[in-house]
Amino acid sequence: MVASSHTLTVTTPSDREIVMTRTFDAPRGLVWEALSKPEHMREWWGPRGFTMPVCEIDLRVGGAYRFVPKGPDGAEYGFRGEYREIVPPERIGWTFEFEGMPGSISVDTMTLTEEDGKTTITSFRLRLGGAARRGAPVGDGDRRRRDLRPARRAPGEDAGEHRVADAVNHSKPYGRESDP
């Protein structure tokens, strides 16, 4: 099984910038697949215990995305943006907006580097409007991100579409509740 470092490093170079770094014990191509395909992204993106009933990805410069994680209490939280830069498998640039705070937009650049079969994701976020002017927290939900592992597959169930997430993170039993 392949594991993540389970450590998310977060720094704030300024009151409008945040840099998040995490290393996964998986090749960059597999991590890219987990980030760029809706069938994989919906299995890991968002806080633990959430599902993602809406995961739309039009992965091209100028293309849009929309993610709607749904919490255990049934509350839904929409995020949307536009892809500004796509360099497979090394970089994705996008705008990022939480629909619950219209106008609170950031520009994110996610860079994937591989060394010795491990991939490090470095995500740089620059807040542009809304929350940036009000001093709202940046990256709050990012501390709770799940590993890139399938969420709804029962032990012994055929992997099927979950193979990418399995290959990226499978150091622990399946299911979010087992995460640290």
N, C-alpha and C. Protein backbone atom coordinates (compact mmCIF):
# COMPACT_ATOMS: atom_id res chain seq x y z
N MET A 1 0.83 -1.18 0.00
CA MET A 1 0.00 0.00 0.00
C MET A 1 0.87 1.25 0.00
N VAL A 2 0.32 2.34 -0.55
CA VAL A 2 1.05 3.60 -0.66
C VAL A 2 0.48 4.57 0.34
N ALA A 3 1.34 5.32 0.99
CA ALA A 3 0.88 6.21 2.04
C ALA A 3 1.18 7.66 1.74
N SER A 4 0.48 8.55 2.41
CA SER A 4 0.83 9.97 2.40
C SER A 4 1.64 10.23 3.66
N SER A 5 2.24 11.40 3.69
CA SER A 5 3.01 11.75 4.87
C SER A 5 2.10 12.03 6.06
N HIS A 6 0.81 12.21 5.81
CA HIS A 6 -0.16 12.57 6.85
C HIS A 6 0.20 13.89 7.51
N THR A 7 1.12 14.64 6.91
CA THR A 7 1.51 15.93 7.45
C THR A 7 1.27 16.99 6.40
N LEU A 8 0.42 17.92 6.73
CA LEU A 8 0.19 19.08 5.88
C LEU A 8 0.92 20.24 6.52
N THR A 9 1.87 20.81 5.79
CA THR A 9 2.61 21.96 6.27
C THR A 9 1.95 23.20 5.70
N VAL A 10 1.61 24.13 6.58
CA VAL A 10 0.95 25.36 6.17
C VAL A 10 1.77 26.55 6.66
N THR A 11 2.08 27.46 5.74
CA THR A 11 2.76 28.70 6.10
C THR A 11 1.95 29.86 5.52
N THR A 12 2.08 31.02 6.14
CA THR A 12 1.40 32.22 5.68
C THR A 12 2.43 33.32 5.48
N PRO A 13 2.99 33.41 4.26
CA PRO A 13 4.01 34.43 3.99
C PRO A 13 3.51 35.86 4.21
N SER A 14 2.20 36.08 4.04
CA SER A 14 1.60 37.39 4.31
C SER A 14 0.16 37.16 4.73
N ASP A 15 -0.56 38.24 5.04
CA ASP A 15 -1.95 38.08 5.46
C ASP A 15 -2.87 37.71 4.30
N ARG A 16 -2.37 37.71 3.07
CA ARG A 16 -3.17 37.33 1.90
C ARG A 16 -2.67 36.08 1.21
N GLU A 17 -1.60 35.47 1.73
CA GLU A 17 -1.00 34.32 1.07
C GLU A 17 -0.95 33.12 2.02
N ILE A 18 -1.10 31.95 1.44
CA ILE A 18 -0.93 30.73 2.20
C ILE A 18 -0.23 29.72 1.29
N VAL A 19 0.68 28.96 1.86
CA VAL A 19 1.38 27.91 1.13
C VAL A 19 1.16 26.61 1.90
N MET A 20 0.63 25.60 1.20
CA MET A 20 0.36 24.30 1.81
C MET A 20 1.19 23.25 1.08
N THR A 21 1.85 22.37 1.82
CA THR A 21 2.70 21.35 1.23
C THR A 21 2.41 20.01 1.88
N ARG A 22 2.32 18.98 1.04
CA ARG A 22 2.11 17.62 1.52
C ARG A 22 2.74 16.65 0.54
N THR A 23 3.35 15.58 1.05
CA THR A 23 4.00 14.58 0.21
C THR A 23 3.22 13.28 0.26
N PHE A 24 3.07 12.67 -0.92
CA PHE A 24 2.38 11.40 -1.06
C PHE A 24 3.35 10.36 -1.61
N ASP A 25 3.27 9.16 -1.10
CA ASP A 25 4.13 8.07 -1.53
C ASP A 25 3.51 7.43 -2.77
N ALA A 26 3.52 8.21 -3.85
CA ALA A 26 2.94 7.78 -5.12
C ALA A 26 3.56 8.59 -6.24
N PRO A 27 3.64 8.01 -7.43
CA PRO A 27 4.19 8.75 -8.55
C PRO A 27 3.29 9.93 -8.94
N ARG A 28 3.91 10.94 -9.51
CA ARG A 28 3.21 12.16 -9.88
C ARG A 28 2.03 11.89 -10.82
N GLY A 29 2.17 10.97 -11.74
CA GLY A 29 1.07 10.67 -12.66
C GLY A 29 -0.19 10.22 -11.96
N LEU A 30 -0.05 9.40 -10.92
CA LEU A 30 -1.23 8.95 -10.17
C LEU A 30 -1.85 10.08 -9.36
N VAL A 31 -1.01 10.91 -8.77
CA VAL A 31 -1.54 12.04 -8.01
C VAL A 31 -2.25 13.00 -8.95
N TRP A 32 -1.68 13.23 -10.14
CA TRP A 32 -2.34 14.08 -11.14
C TRP A 32 -3.72 13.53 -11.49
N GLU A 33 -3.81 12.23 -11.69
CA GLU A 33 -5.11 11.60 -11.99
C GLU A 33 -6.11 11.87 -10.87
N ALA A 34 -5.67 11.77 -9.63
CA ALA A 34 -6.56 11.99 -8.50
C ALA A 34 -7.05 13.44 -8.42
N LEU A 35 -6.25 14.37 -8.93
CA LEU A 35 -6.60 15.78 -8.90
C LEU A 35 -7.42 16.23 -10.12
N SER A 36 -7.33 15.49 -11.20
CA SER A 36 -7.87 16.00 -12.46
C SER A 36 -9.10 15.26 -12.99
N LYS A 37 -9.47 14.18 -12.37
CA LYS A 37 -10.62 13.39 -12.84
C LYS A 37 -11.72 13.40 -11.79
N PRO A 38 -12.95 13.78 -12.18
CA PRO A 38 -14.03 13.85 -11.19
C PRO A 38 -14.26 12.54 -10.44
N GLU A 39 -14.14 11.42 -11.13
CA GLU A 39 -14.40 10.14 -10.47
C GLU A 39 -13.41 9.84 -9.35
N HIS A 40 -12.23 10.46 -9.40
CA HIS A 40 -11.24 10.30 -8.34
C HIS A 40 -11.32 11.44 -7.33
N MET A 41 -11.46 12.66 -7.84
CA MET A 41 -11.50 13.84 -6.97
C MET A 41 -12.63 13.74 -5.96
N ARG A 42 -13.78 13.27 -6.37
CA ARG A 42 -14.93 13.20 -5.44
C ARG A 42 -14.68 12.23 -4.30
N GLU A 43 -13.71 11.34 -4.42
CA GLU A 43 -13.44 10.34 -3.39
C GLU A 43 -12.52 10.84 -2.28
N TRP A 44 -11.85 11.98 -2.48
CA TRP A 44 -10.90 12.40 -1.45
C TRP A 44 -10.96 13.87 -1.10
N TRP A 45 -11.43 14.75 -1.97
CA TRP A 45 -11.37 16.19 -1.73
C TRP A 45 -12.40 16.60 -0.69
N GLY A 46 -12.01 17.39 0.26
CA GLY A 46 -12.92 17.90 1.27
C GLY A 46 -12.64 17.30 2.63
N PRO A 47 -13.33 17.81 3.63
CA PRO A 47 -13.12 17.33 5.00
C PRO A 47 -13.52 15.88 5.18
N ARG A 48 -12.94 15.25 6.16
CA ARG A 48 -13.30 13.87 6.52
C ARG A 48 -14.78 13.79 6.86
N GLY A 49 -15.41 12.69 6.49
CA GLY A 49 -16.81 12.48 6.79
C GLY A 49 -17.77 13.07 5.78
N PHE A 50 -17.25 13.78 4.78
CA PHE A 50 -18.08 14.41 3.76
C PHE A 50 -18.13 13.53 2.51
N THR A 51 -19.21 13.65 1.76
CA THR A 51 -19.30 13.08 0.42
C THR A 51 -19.26 14.24 -0.56
N MET A 52 -19.22 13.95 -1.86
CA MET A 52 -19.23 15.02 -2.84
C MET A 52 -20.21 14.68 -3.96
N PRO A 53 -21.49 15.02 -3.78
CA PRO A 53 -22.48 14.70 -4.79
C PRO A 53 -22.29 15.45 -6.10
N VAL A 54 -21.64 16.61 -6.06
CA VAL A 54 -21.38 17.37 -7.28
C VAL A 54 -19.87 17.54 -7.42
N CYS A 55 -19.32 17.06 -8.53
CA CYS A 55 -17.90 17.22 -8.84
C CYS A 55 -17.79 17.37 -10.35
N GLU A 56 -17.72 18.60 -10.80
CA GLU A 56 -17.65 18.90 -12.23
C GLU A 56 -16.29 19.49 -12.53
N ILE A 57 -15.59 18.92 -13.50
CA ILE A 57 -14.26 19.36 -13.86
C ILE A 57 -14.18 19.47 -15.38
N ASP A 58 -13.90 20.67 -15.89
CA ASP A 58 -13.63 20.89 -17.31
C ASP A 58 -12.17 21.33 -17.38
N LEU A 59 -11.27 20.36 -17.34
CA LEU A 59 -9.84 20.61 -17.16
C LEU A 59 -9.20 21.11 -18.46
N ARG A 60 -9.32 22.40 -18.67
CA ARG A 60 -8.69 23.11 -19.79
C ARG A 60 -8.61 24.57 -19.38
N VAL A 61 -7.66 25.29 -19.93
CA VAL A 61 -7.55 26.70 -19.63
C VAL A 61 -8.86 27.37 -20.03
N GLY A 62 -9.46 28.09 -19.09
CA GLY A 62 -10.76 28.72 -19.32
C GLY A 62 -11.93 27.84 -18.92
N GLY A 63 -11.66 26.55 -18.65
CA GLY A 63 -12.71 25.63 -18.22
C GLY A 63 -13.08 25.89 -16.77
N ALA A 64 -14.27 25.48 -16.41
CA ALA A 64 -14.77 25.70 -15.05
C ALA A 64 -14.76 24.41 -14.26
N TYR A 65 -14.80 24.57 -12.94
CA TYR A 65 -15.01 23.43 -12.05
C TYR A 65 -16.01 23.85 -11.00
N ARG A 66 -16.65 22.87 -10.41
CA ARG A 66 -17.55 23.10 -9.27
C ARG A 66 -17.55 21.84 -8.43
N PHE A 67 -17.30 22.02 -7.13
CA PHE A 67 -17.33 20.93 -6.17
C PHE A 67 -18.36 21.30 -5.11
N VAL A 68 -19.17 20.34 -4.71
CA VAL A 68 -20.13 20.58 -3.63
C VAL A 68 -20.03 19.44 -2.62
N PRO A 69 -19.14 19.58 -1.63
CA PRO A 69 -19.08 18.59 -0.56
C PRO A 69 -20.34 18.67 0.30
N LYS A 70 -20.75 17.52 0.80
CA LYS A 70 -21.94 17.43 1.64
C LYS A 70 -21.53 16.84 2.98
N GLY A 71 -21.84 17.55 4.04
CA GLY A 71 -21.45 17.13 5.37
C GLY A 71 -22.35 16.05 5.93
N PRO A 72 -21.91 15.41 7.01
CA PRO A 72 -22.71 14.36 7.65
C PRO A 72 -24.08 14.86 8.09
N ASP A 73 -24.19 16.17 8.33
CA ASP A 73 -25.47 16.76 8.75
C ASP A 73 -26.36 17.13 7.56
N GLY A 74 -25.89 16.87 6.33
CA GLY A 74 -26.66 17.18 5.13
C GLY A 74 -26.38 18.55 4.54
N ALA A 75 -25.64 19.39 5.24
CA ALA A 75 -25.31 20.72 4.73
C ALA A 75 -24.35 20.60 3.54
N GLU A 76 -24.57 21.42 2.53
CA GLU A 76 -23.72 21.41 1.34
C GLU A 76 -22.94 22.72 1.25
N TYR A 77 -21.70 22.62 0.74
CA TYR A 77 -20.80 23.75 0.65
C TYR A 77 -20.21 23.78 -0.75
N GLY A 78 -20.63 24.75 -1.56
CA GLY A 78 -20.18 24.81 -2.94
C GLY A 78 -18.91 25.62 -3.12
N PHE A 79 -18.07 25.13 -4.01
CA PHE A 79 -16.83 25.81 -4.41
C PHE A 79 -16.79 25.81 -5.92
N ARG A 80 -16.29 26.90 -6.49
CA ARG A 80 -16.23 26.98 -7.94
C ARG A 80 -15.05 27.83 -8.36
N GLY A 81 -14.73 27.72 -9.64
CA GLY A 81 -13.65 28.54 -10.17
C GLY A 81 -13.40 28.21 -11.62
N GLU A 82 -12.33 28.80 -12.12
CA GLU A 82 -11.94 28.64 -13.51
C GLU A 82 -10.47 28.26 -13.58
N TYR A 83 -10.17 27.32 -14.45
CA TYR A 83 -8.77 26.92 -14.64
C TYR A 83 -8.05 27.99 -15.45
N ARG A 84 -6.90 28.42 -14.95
CA ARG A 84 -6.10 29.45 -15.60
C ARG A 84 -4.82 28.90 -16.22
N GLU A 85 -4.36 27.76 -15.71
CA GLU A 85 -3.12 27.15 -16.21
C GLU A 85 -3.20 25.65 -15.99
N ILE A 86 -2.88 24.89 -17.02
CA ILE A 86 -2.86 23.43 -16.94
C ILE A 86 -1.56 22.97 -17.58
N VAL A 87 -0.70 22.34 -16.80
CA VAL A 87 0.56 21.78 -17.32
C VAL A 87 0.67 20.36 -16.77
N PRO A 88 0.05 19.38 -17.48
CA PRO A 88 0.09 18.00 -16.99
C PRO A 88 1.52 17.47 -16.98
N PRO A 89 1.91 16.71 -16.03
CA PRO A 89 1.29 16.45 -14.73
C PRO A 89 1.91 17.29 -13.63
N GLU A 90 2.34 18.53 -13.96
CA GLU A 90 3.10 19.26 -12.95
C GLU A 90 2.44 20.48 -12.33
N ARG A 91 1.43 21.08 -12.97
CA ARG A 91 0.89 22.31 -12.38
C ARG A 91 -0.55 22.55 -12.83
N ILE A 92 -1.34 23.04 -11.86
CA ILE A 92 -2.71 23.50 -12.12
C ILE A 92 -2.85 24.87 -11.47
N GLY A 93 -3.34 25.83 -12.23
CA GLY A 93 -3.67 27.15 -11.68
C GLY A 93 -5.15 27.39 -11.86
N TRP A 94 -5.81 27.92 -10.82
CA TRP A 94 -7.25 28.13 -10.89
C TRP A 94 -7.67 29.27 -9.98
N THR A 95 -8.85 29.79 -10.23
CA THR A 95 -9.46 30.68 -9.26
C THR A 95 -10.28 29.80 -8.33
N PHE A 96 -10.50 30.29 -7.12
CA PHE A 96 -11.17 29.49 -6.10
C PHE A 96 -12.13 30.40 -5.35
N GLU A 97 -13.41 30.01 -5.31
CA GLU A 97 -14.40 30.81 -4.59
C GLU A 97 -15.34 29.89 -3.83
N PHE A 98 -15.51 30.19 -2.56
CA PHE A 98 -16.50 29.50 -1.73
C PHE A 98 -17.82 30.19 -2.00
N GLU A 99 -18.82 29.42 -2.47
CA GLU A 99 -20.10 30.01 -2.84
C GLU A 99 -20.82 30.64 -1.66
N GLY A 100 -20.49 30.23 -0.44
CA GLY A 100 -21.09 30.80 0.75
C GLY A 100 -20.55 32.19 1.08
N MET A 101 -19.47 32.60 0.41
CA MET A 101 -18.87 33.92 0.59
C MET A 101 -18.60 34.52 -0.78
N PRO A 102 -19.66 34.87 -1.52
CA PRO A 102 -19.46 35.40 -2.88
C PRO A 102 -18.49 36.59 -2.89
N GLY A 103 -17.62 36.59 -3.88
CA GLY A 103 -16.64 37.66 -4.00
C GLY A 103 -15.36 37.40 -3.24
N SER A 104 -15.33 36.37 -2.41
CA SER A 104 -14.11 36.01 -1.69
C SER A 104 -13.34 35.05 -2.57
N ILE A 105 -12.54 35.61 -3.45
CA ILE A 105 -11.87 34.82 -4.49
C ILE A 105 -10.37 34.76 -4.21
N SER A 106 -9.80 33.61 -4.47
CA SER A 106 -8.35 33.47 -4.42
C SER A 106 -7.88 32.89 -5.75
N VAL A 107 -6.59 33.05 -5.99
CA VAL A 107 -5.95 32.42 -7.13
C VAL A 107 -4.99 31.40 -6.55
N ASP A 108 -5.14 30.15 -6.97
CA ASP A 108 -4.33 29.04 -6.47
C ASP A 108 -3.44 28.49 -7.57
N THR A 109 -2.24 28.12 -7.20
CA THR A 109 -1.35 27.39 -8.09
C THR A 109 -0.87 26.16 -7.33
N MET A 110 -1.15 25.00 -7.89
CA MET A 110 -0.77 23.73 -7.29
C MET A 110 0.34 23.12 -8.15
N THR A 111 1.49 22.87 -7.54
CA THR A 111 2.63 22.30 -8.24
C THR A 111 2.91 20.91 -7.69
N LEU A 112 3.12 19.96 -8.60
CA LEU A 112 3.42 18.58 -8.22
C LEU A 112 4.86 18.27 -8.64
N THR A 113 5.68 17.87 -7.69
CA THR A 113 7.05 17.47 -7.99
C THR A 113 7.25 16.05 -7.49
N GLU A 114 8.06 15.30 -8.23
CA GLU A 114 8.30 13.91 -7.86
C GLU A 114 9.77 13.69 -7.60
N GLU A 115 10.05 12.97 -6.52
CA GLU A 115 11.42 12.57 -6.20
C GLU A 115 11.36 11.19 -5.58
N ASP A 116 12.12 10.26 -6.13
CA ASP A 116 12.19 8.89 -5.63
C ASP A 116 10.81 8.24 -5.53
N GLY A 117 9.94 8.51 -6.51
CA GLY A 117 8.62 7.90 -6.54
C GLY A 117 7.60 8.52 -5.62
N LYS A 118 7.98 9.59 -4.92
CA LYS A 118 7.06 10.30 -4.03
C LYS A 118 6.73 11.65 -4.66
N THR A 119 5.48 12.08 -4.48
CA THR A 119 5.03 13.34 -5.06
C THR A 119 4.71 14.34 -3.97
N THR A 120 5.28 15.52 -4.10
CA THR A 120 4.99 16.62 -3.20
C THR A 120 4.09 17.61 -3.92
N ILE A 121 2.96 17.92 -3.28
CA ILE A 121 2.07 18.96 -3.78
C ILE A 121 2.34 20.22 -2.97
N THR A 122 2.66 21.29 -3.68
CA THR A 122 2.81 22.60 -3.05
C THR A 122 1.72 23.48 -3.64
N SER A 123 0.86 23.98 -2.79
CA SER A 123 -0.26 24.81 -3.21
C SER A 123 -0.06 26.21 -2.68
N PHE A 124 -0.02 27.17 -3.58
CA PHE A 124 0.11 28.58 -3.21
C PHE A 124 -1.23 29.25 -3.44
N ARG A 125 -1.77 29.90 -2.43
CA ARG A 125 -3.06 30.58 -2.53
C ARG A 125 -2.88 32.06 -2.23
N LEU A 126 -3.38 32.90 -3.14
CA LEU A 126 -3.37 34.34 -2.96
C LEU A 126 -4.81 34.81 -2.93
N ARG A 127 -5.24 35.36 -1.79
CA ARG A 127 -6.61 35.87 -1.67
C ARG A 127 -6.69 37.22 -2.37
N LEU A 128 -7.73 37.37 -3.20
CA LEU A 128 -7.88 38.60 -3.96
C LEU A 128 -8.95 39.52 -3.40
N GLY A 129 -10.12 38.99 -3.11
CA GLY A 129 -11.22 39.86 -2.72
C GLY A 129 -12.03 39.29 -1.59
N GLY A 130 -12.99 40.07 -1.14
CA GLY A 130 -13.91 39.62 -0.10
C GLY A 130 -13.19 39.33 1.20
N ALA A 131 -12.98 38.07 1.49
CA ALA A 131 -12.38 37.66 2.76
C ALA A 131 -10.98 38.21 2.93
N ALA A 132 -10.26 38.40 1.84
CA ALA A 132 -8.90 38.93 1.95
C ALA A 132 -8.92 40.31 2.59
N ARG A 133 -9.90 41.10 2.25
CA ARG A 133 -9.99 42.44 2.82
C ARG A 133 -10.50 42.41 4.25
N ARG A 134 -11.27 41.39 4.60
CA ARG A 134 -11.84 41.31 5.94
C ARG A 134 -10.99 40.51 6.91
N GLY A 135 -9.90 39.92 6.41
CA GLY A 135 -9.02 39.15 7.28
C GLY A 135 -9.56 37.79 7.66
N ALA A 136 -10.45 37.21 6.83
CA ALA A 136 -10.98 35.88 7.12
C ALA A 136 -9.87 34.85 7.01
N PRO A 137 -10.00 33.72 7.70
CA PRO A 137 -8.95 32.70 7.64
C PRO A 137 -8.79 32.15 6.24
N VAL A 138 -7.58 31.78 5.91
CA VAL A 138 -7.27 31.18 4.62
C VAL A 138 -6.95 29.72 4.85
N GLY A 139 -7.47 28.86 3.99
CA GLY A 139 -7.11 27.45 4.05
C GLY A 139 -7.66 26.70 5.25
N ASP A 140 -8.67 27.21 5.90
CA ASP A 140 -9.20 26.57 7.10
C ASP A 140 -9.60 25.13 6.85
N GLY A 141 -10.31 24.86 5.77
CA GLY A 141 -10.73 23.50 5.48
C GLY A 141 -9.59 22.60 5.06
N ASP A 142 -8.49 23.19 4.59
CA ASP A 142 -7.39 22.38 4.09
C ASP A 142 -6.75 21.56 5.19
N ARG A 143 -6.85 21.96 6.44
CA ARG A 143 -6.25 21.17 7.53
C ARG A 143 -6.94 19.83 7.67
N ARG A 144 -8.18 19.74 7.21
CA ARG A 144 -8.96 18.53 7.43
C ARG A 144 -9.03 17.66 6.18
N ARG A 145 -8.29 17.96 5.16
CA ARG A 145 -8.38 17.19 3.92
C ARG A 145 -8.12 15.73 4.19
N ARG A 146 -8.89 14.92 3.52
CA ARG A 146 -8.69 13.48 3.62
C ARG A 146 -7.47 13.09 2.80
N ASP A 147 -7.02 11.91 3.04
CA ASP A 147 -6.02 11.34 2.17
C ASP A 147 -6.67 11.03 0.84
N LEU A 148 -5.86 10.78 -0.16
CA LEU A 148 -6.37 10.44 -1.48
C LEU A 148 -6.70 8.95 -1.50
N ARG A 149 -7.72 8.58 -0.77
CA ARG A 149 -8.12 7.18 -0.73
C ARG A 149 -9.63 7.10 -0.91
N PRO A 150 -10.12 5.97 -1.39
CA PRO A 150 -11.56 5.85 -1.59
C PRO A 150 -12.30 5.96 -0.27
N ALA A 151 -13.50 6.51 -0.37
CA ALA A 151 -14.24 6.77 0.84
C ALA A 151 -15.42 5.84 1.05
N ARG A 152 -16.02 5.39 -0.04
CA ARG A 152 -17.27 4.66 0.11
C ARG A 152 -17.14 3.18 -0.22
N ARG A 153 -15.95 2.69 -0.46
CA ARG A 153 -15.79 1.28 -0.81
C ARG A 153 -15.67 0.45 0.46
N ALA A 154 -16.42 -0.59 0.52
CA ALA A 154 -16.36 -1.50 1.66
C ALA A 154 -15.17 -2.44 1.51
N PRO A 155 -14.59 -2.90 2.61
CA PRO A 155 -13.48 -3.85 2.52
C PRO A 155 -13.91 -5.07 1.69
N GLY A 156 -13.06 -5.47 0.77
CA GLY A 156 -13.33 -6.62 -0.07
C GLY A 156 -14.10 -6.30 -1.34
N GLU A 157 -14.63 -5.08 -1.46
CA GLU A 157 -15.37 -4.69 -2.66
C GLU A 157 -14.39 -4.48 -3.81
N ASP A 158 -14.81 -4.77 -5.03
CA ASP A 158 -13.97 -4.59 -6.21
C ASP A 158 -13.52 -3.14 -6.30
N ALA A 159 -12.24 -2.91 -6.54
CA ALA A 159 -11.68 -1.57 -6.57
C ALA A 159 -12.26 -0.74 -7.71
N GLY A 160 -12.40 -1.30 -8.88
CA GLY A 160 -12.97 -0.57 -10.01
C GLY A 160 -12.36 0.80 -10.19
N GLU A 161 -13.20 1.83 -10.13
CA GLU A 161 -12.75 3.18 -10.38
C GLU A 161 -11.89 3.74 -9.26
N HIS A 162 -11.75 3.04 -8.16
CA HIS A 162 -11.00 3.55 -7.02
C HIS A 162 -9.51 3.25 -7.10
N ARG A 163 -9.05 2.62 -8.15
CA ARG A 163 -7.65 2.20 -8.20
C ARG A 163 -6.66 3.34 -8.06
N VAL A 164 -6.94 4.51 -8.65
CA VAL A 164 -6.00 5.62 -8.55
C VAL A 164 -5.88 6.07 -7.11
N ALA A 165 -7.00 6.31 -6.45
CA ALA A 165 -6.95 6.75 -5.05
C ALA A 165 -6.30 5.67 -4.19
N ASP A 166 -6.58 4.40 -4.47
CA ASP A 166 -5.94 3.32 -3.72
C ASP A 166 -4.43 3.39 -3.85
N ALA A 167 -3.96 3.60 -5.06
CA ALA A 167 -2.52 3.60 -5.29
C ALA A 167 -1.85 4.78 -4.63
N VAL A 168 -2.57 5.89 -4.51
CA VAL A 168 -1.98 7.08 -3.91
C VAL A 168 -1.95 6.97 -2.39
N ASN A 169 -3.01 6.47 -1.78
CA ASN A 169 -3.08 6.38 -0.32
C ASN A 169 -3.72 5.08 0.10
N HIS A 170 -2.98 4.22 0.62
CA HIS A 170 -3.60 3.01 1.15
C HIS A 170 -2.83 2.45 2.32
N SER A 171 -2.33 3.34 3.14
CA SER A 171 -1.56 2.89 4.29
C SER A 171 -2.44 2.52 5.47
N LYS A 172 -3.72 2.86 5.41
CA LYS A 172 -4.63 2.58 6.53
C LYS A 172 -5.86 1.89 5.99
N PRO A 173 -6.66 1.33 6.85
CA PRO A 173 -7.91 0.74 6.40
C PRO A 173 -8.77 1.79 5.70
N TYR A 174 -9.61 1.36 4.79
CA TYR A 174 -10.48 2.28 4.05
C TYR A 174 -11.48 2.91 4.99
N GLY A 175 -11.85 4.11 4.65
CA GLY A 175 -12.87 4.83 5.41
C GLY A 175 -12.29 5.99 6.17
N ARG A 176 -12.95 7.08 6.13
CA ARG A 176 -12.47 8.32 6.71
C ARG A 176 -12.40 8.26 8.23
N GLU A 177 -13.27 7.51 8.86
CA GLU A 177 -13.29 7.50 10.31
C GLU A 177 -12.00 6.94 10.90
N SER A 178 -11.24 6.18 10.10
CA SER A 178 -10.00 5.62 10.62
C SER A 178 -8.82 6.58 10.50
N ASP A 179 -9.02 7.71 9.84
CA ASP A 179 -7.93 8.67 9.67
C ASP A 179 -7.59 9.31 11.00
N PRO A 180 -6.33 9.76 11.14
CA PRO A 180 -5.94 10.41 12.41
C PRO A 180 -6.61 11.75 12.56
